[in-house]
Amino acid sequence: MRILVVEDEPQLNQLLVKQLQAAHYSVDSCLSGTDALDYLPGAEYDAIVLDIMLPGVDGIGILKHLRGKGDRTPVLLLTARDSIEDRVKGLDAGADDYLVKPFSFDELLARLRVMMRRASESVSDVFTIADLTVDCAAHTVHRGGKAITLSSREFAILEYLVRNRGRILSRDKISRHVWNYEYEGGSNVVDVYIRYLRKKLDEDFSPKLIHTIRGAGYVLREEP
C-alpha cells in the first residue's frame, strides 16, 4: 500500500517515512503543500498523512483541492494545535481523521488501518478467500493452514489484490499503488512479482486464485 507524507518538519518527516516503511508501506514524502500538489496527480495513494501548517499551500487547502476533484483518498491530518476549531475545520474540509502532535506512532498506524478499511468497505484487516487468509495488520499469510513467507513487496502486491478481490487490476494500477517515485526498475516488474506470488500461493494449492486477464491485468478470485 502506498502512502504520501506531507510534513514540513524535516526530522518528523524522515521519522514518519522510516517508520511507515518498516511497517511495509511504500512511501513518498514532501515538505510543502506546493510539492504535494505536484505529487498527487502522478500516483494513486491509499492514504495521505497531511500536516495542517505547511509552506506554500496549507493542509486545508490541499484537502479542499482533493475533495473538490472528487478524490476520496483517506486523509489523516496532523496538527500541533489541539483546539476544537482546528479539528472541526479539518473534518469539515474532508479529513477522515486527525492526530495532535506529539503522537504515538502505533496510534498513527492504527488510524491508518481504520481509514483504509473504511475505504475498501472492509470490517477487518483479515481477508479470506478459499483457503487463503491474509492478515494485513500482522503481515501474515496462510494457505491451507500453512504459513507462507512473503517479501515486503510480495506482501504489498497481495494486500492490494486481496483488498480489491474480484476486481481486475492493471499492471499500471498495481505499480502505482506499490512502488514509490524512487523506484527505477524494469517495465515487467509487476509480472515478475506475480510469478513469485503464484509460485508461493498457487503452485501447490487448489483452486488457483491469481488469474491473468489478457490485455487487462490480474485478478484475485476463486473460480469454479
Protein backbone atom coordinates (compact mmCIF):
# COMPACT_ATOMS: atom_id res chain seq x y z
CA MET A 1 0.00 0.00 0.00
CA ARG A 2 1.29 3.45 -0.92
CA ILE A 3 1.20 6.50 1.38
CA LEU A 4 2.08 10.15 0.87
CA VAL A 5 3.57 12.02 3.85
CA VAL A 6 3.31 15.82 3.73
CA GLU A 7 5.13 17.27 6.75
CA ASP A 8 7.36 20.36 6.79
CA GLU A 9 9.43 19.41 9.84
CA PRO A 10 12.35 17.50 8.23
CA GLN A 11 13.12 15.29 11.25
CA LEU A 12 9.50 14.29 11.76
CA ASN A 13 9.09 13.76 8.02
CA GLN A 14 12.08 11.41 7.92
CA LEU A 15 10.90 9.57 11.04
CA LEU A 16 7.42 9.05 9.58
CA VAL A 17 8.87 7.73 6.33
CA LYS A 18 11.24 5.37 8.15
CA GLN A 19 8.54 4.00 10.46
CA LEU A 20 5.97 3.58 7.69
CA GLN A 21 8.49 1.75 5.53
CA ALA A 22 9.29 -0.50 8.49
CA ALA A 23 5.55 -1.25 8.61
CA HIS A 24 5.82 -2.39 4.95
CA TYR A 25 4.23 0.62 3.29
CA SER A 26 5.59 2.23 0.13
CA VAL A 27 6.10 5.91 0.96
CA ASP A 28 6.55 9.20 -0.89
CA SER A 29 7.20 12.34 1.12
CA CYS A 30 7.47 16.08 0.65
CA LEU A 31 7.97 19.17 2.81
CA SER A 32 5.45 21.64 1.39
CA GLY A 33 1.89 21.86 0.20
CA THR A 34 3.07 23.07 -3.19
CA ASP A 35 5.16 19.93 -3.67
CA ALA A 36 2.25 17.77 -2.51
CA LEU A 37 0.07 19.15 -5.30
CA ASP A 38 2.78 18.06 -7.75
CA TYR A 39 2.97 14.55 -6.27
CA LEU A 40 -0.75 13.80 -6.16
CA PRO A 41 -1.59 13.57 -9.90
CA GLY A 42 1.20 11.10 -10.61
CA ALA A 43 0.23 8.35 -8.16
CA GLU A 44 -2.70 6.51 -6.62
CA TYR A 45 -2.29 6.73 -2.86
CA ASP A 46 -4.07 4.53 -0.35
CA ALA A 47 -3.76 7.22 2.33
CA ILE A 48 -2.24 10.65 2.94
CA VAL A 49 -0.64 11.82 6.19
CA LEU A 50 -1.04 15.60 5.99
CA ASP A 51 0.20 18.35 8.29
CA ILE A 52 -2.11 21.36 8.55
CA MET A 53 0.57 24.04 8.84
CA LEU A 54 2.59 23.89 5.61
CA PRO A 55 4.53 26.38 3.47
CA GLY A 56 3.01 27.19 0.10
CA VAL A 57 -0.43 25.62 0.32
CA ASP A 58 -1.62 24.57 3.79
CA GLY A 59 -3.21 21.25 4.62
CA ILE A 60 -6.74 22.60 4.48
CA GLY A 61 -6.08 23.97 1.00
CA ILE A 62 -4.82 20.57 -0.16
CA LEU A 63 -7.88 18.86 1.33
CA LYS A 64 -10.24 21.25 -0.45
CA HIS A 65 -8.35 20.66 -3.70
CA LEU A 66 -8.66 16.87 -3.36
CA ARG A 67 -12.31 16.80 -2.37
CA GLY A 68 -13.20 19.40 -4.97
CA LYS A 69 -11.91 16.98 -7.63
CA GLY A 70 -13.91 14.12 -6.15
CA ASP A 71 -10.77 12.42 -4.81
CA ARG A 72 -11.77 10.34 -1.76
CA THR A 73 -8.28 9.19 -0.74
CA PRO A 74 -8.28 8.80 3.07
CA VAL A 75 -6.52 11.73 4.78
CA LEU A 76 -5.10 11.77 8.30
CA LEU A 77 -4.42 15.33 9.46
CA LEU A 78 -1.54 16.18 11.78
CA THR A 79 -1.92 19.31 13.88
CA ALA A 80 0.11 20.94 16.62
CA ARG A 81 -2.96 22.78 17.90
CA ASP A 82 -5.48 20.81 19.90
CA SER A 83 -8.40 23.20 19.54
CA ILE A 84 -11.95 22.21 18.66
CA GLU A 85 -11.99 24.91 15.97
CA ASP A 86 -8.97 23.42 14.17
CA ARG A 87 -10.37 19.90 14.36
CA VAL A 88 -13.78 20.94 13.08
CA LYS A 89 -12.21 22.96 10.26
CA GLY A 90 -10.16 19.97 9.12
CA LEU A 91 -13.01 17.50 9.33
CA ASP A 92 -15.37 19.87 7.52
CA ALA A 93 -12.79 20.24 4.74
CA GLY A 94 -12.88 16.48 4.18
CA ALA A 95 -10.32 14.91 6.53
CA ASP A 96 -11.07 11.36 7.66
CA ASP A 97 -9.24 11.63 10.97
CA TYR A 98 -6.66 13.70 12.82
CA LEU A 99 -3.82 13.37 15.32
CA VAL A 100 -2.43 16.02 17.63
CA LYS A 101 1.36 16.30 17.90
CA PRO A 102 3.15 14.71 19.67
CA PHE A 103 1.51 11.39 18.95
CA SER A 104 2.16 7.67 19.32
CA PHE A 105 3.30 6.06 16.09
CA ASP A 106 1.34 2.92 16.99
CA GLU A 107 -1.79 5.07 17.15
CA LEU A 108 -0.99 6.60 13.76
CA LEU A 109 -0.67 3.11 12.25
CA ALA A 110 -3.94 2.02 13.82
CA ARG A 111 -5.78 5.08 12.50
CA LEU A 112 -4.35 4.49 9.01
CA ARG A 113 -5.59 0.90 9.09
CA VAL A 114 -9.07 2.03 10.13
CA MET A 115 -9.22 4.63 7.34
CA MET A 116 -8.14 2.12 4.71
CA ARG A 117 -10.67 -0.43 5.97
CA ARG A 118 -13.40 2.14 5.52
CA ALA A 119 -12.15 2.99 2.03
CA SER A 120 -12.21 -0.67 0.99
CA GLU A 121 -15.54 -1.21 2.78
CA SER A 122 -13.99 -3.88 4.99
CA VAL A 123 -14.78 -4.50 8.64
CA SER A 124 -11.50 -6.26 9.39
CA ASP A 125 -7.84 -6.31 8.39
CA VAL A 126 -8.10 -10.07 7.91
CA PHE A 127 -9.20 -11.26 4.46
CA THR A 128 -10.15 -14.80 3.48
CA ILE A 129 -10.68 -16.23 0.01
CA ALA A 130 -10.97 -20.02 -0.39
CA ASP A 131 -8.31 -21.38 1.99
CA LEU A 132 -6.12 -18.26 1.74
CA THR A 133 -6.02 -15.95 4.78
CA VAL A 134 -4.21 -12.60 4.70
CA ASP A 135 -3.82 -10.58 7.91
CA CYS A 136 -2.88 -7.07 6.76
CA ALA A 137 -2.21 -5.81 10.29
CA ALA A 138 0.04 -8.68 11.36
CA HIS A 139 1.50 -9.13 7.84
CA THR A 140 0.92 -12.85 7.88
CA VAL A 141 -0.32 -15.16 5.12
CA HIS A 142 -1.66 -18.71 5.41
CA ARG A 143 -2.93 -21.07 2.73
CA GLY A 144 -4.41 -24.46 3.54
CA GLY A 145 -3.31 -23.94 7.14
CA LYS A 146 0.32 -23.46 6.07
CA ALA A 147 2.22 -20.25 6.84
CA ILE A 148 3.56 -18.58 3.69
CA THR A 149 6.60 -16.31 3.90
CA LEU A 150 6.50 -13.29 1.57
CA SER A 151 8.90 -10.41 0.97
CA SER A 152 7.65 -6.91 1.77
CA ARG A 153 7.00 -6.21 -1.93
CA GLU A 154 5.22 -9.53 -2.47
CA PHE A 155 3.01 -8.84 0.53
CA ALA A 156 2.24 -5.31 -0.69
CA ILE A 157 1.02 -6.64 -4.03
CA LEU A 158 -1.00 -9.42 -2.38
CA GLU A 159 -2.57 -6.92 0.01
CA TYR A 160 -3.63 -4.71 -2.89
CA LEU A 161 -5.06 -7.71 -4.73
CA VAL A 162 -6.94 -9.04 -1.70
CA ARG A 163 -8.36 -5.65 -0.73
CA ASN A 164 -9.68 -5.47 -4.32
CA ARG A 165 -10.55 -9.16 -4.66
CA GLY A 166 -12.76 -9.84 -7.65
CA ARG A 167 -11.64 -6.63 -9.40
CA ILE A 168 -9.33 -6.65 -12.40
CA LEU A 169 -6.24 -4.54 -11.68
CA SER A 170 -3.99 -3.36 -14.50
CA ARG A 171 -0.22 -3.60 -14.25
CA ASP A 172 -0.10 0.20 -14.13
CA LYS A 173 -2.53 0.39 -11.20
CA ILE A 174 -0.58 -2.23 -9.27
CA SER A 175 2.68 -0.42 -9.96
CA ARG A 176 1.26 2.96 -8.95
CA HIS A 177 0.00 1.55 -5.65
CA VAL A 178 3.04 -0.47 -4.65
CA TRP A 179 6.17 1.38 -5.85
CA ASN A 180 7.11 4.95 -4.96
CA TYR A 181 8.70 7.61 -7.17
CA GLU A 182 12.23 6.49 -6.30
CA TYR A 183 11.82 3.11 -7.99
CA GLU A 184 13.71 2.73 -11.27
CA GLY A 185 13.10 -0.92 -12.09
CA GLY A 186 12.09 -2.58 -15.34
CA SER A 187 8.70 -2.32 -17.01
CA ASN A 188 7.91 -6.02 -16.37
CA VAL A 189 8.44 -5.84 -12.61
CA VAL A 190 4.75 -6.46 -11.81
CA ASP A 191 4.77 -9.64 -13.93
CA VAL A 192 7.90 -10.83 -12.14
CA TYR A 193 6.35 -10.40 -8.69
CA ILE A 194 3.08 -12.00 -9.78
CA ARG A 195 5.13 -15.06 -10.79
CA TYR A 196 6.72 -15.09 -7.34
CA LEU A 197 3.29 -14.95 -5.70
CA ARG A 198 1.87 -17.69 -7.88
CA LYS A 199 4.78 -19.97 -7.03
CA LYS A 200 4.20 -19.47 -3.30
CA LEU A 201 0.41 -19.23 -3.18
CA ASP A 202 -0.96 -21.22 -6.12
CA GLU A 203 1.60 -23.77 -7.29
CA ASP A 204 0.95 -26.37 -4.57
CA PHE A 205 -2.67 -25.48 -3.84
CA SER A 206 -6.10 -25.67 -5.40
CA PRO A 207 -8.08 -23.80 -6.57
CA LYS A 208 -5.80 -21.30 -8.31
CA LEU A 209 -6.55 -17.78 -7.07
CA ILE A 210 -4.36 -15.38 -9.08
CA HIS A 211 -5.66 -15.06 -12.64
CA THR A 212 -4.34 -13.23 -15.70
CA ILE A 213 -6.92 -11.31 -17.70
CA ARG A 214 -5.34 -10.99 -21.11
CA GLY A 215 -4.86 -7.36 -22.11
CA ALA A 216 -6.27 -6.11 -18.81
CA GLY A 217 -4.17 -7.24 -15.86
CA TYR A 218 -4.64 -9.53 -12.85
CA VAL A 219 -7.42 -10.50 -10.51
CA LEU A 220 -7.56 -12.43 -7.23
CA ARG A 221 -10.69 -14.56 -7.12
CA GLU A 222 -11.97 -18.09 -6.63
CA GLU A 223 -13.27 -19.64 -9.83
CA PRO A 224 -15.32 -22.86 -10.21
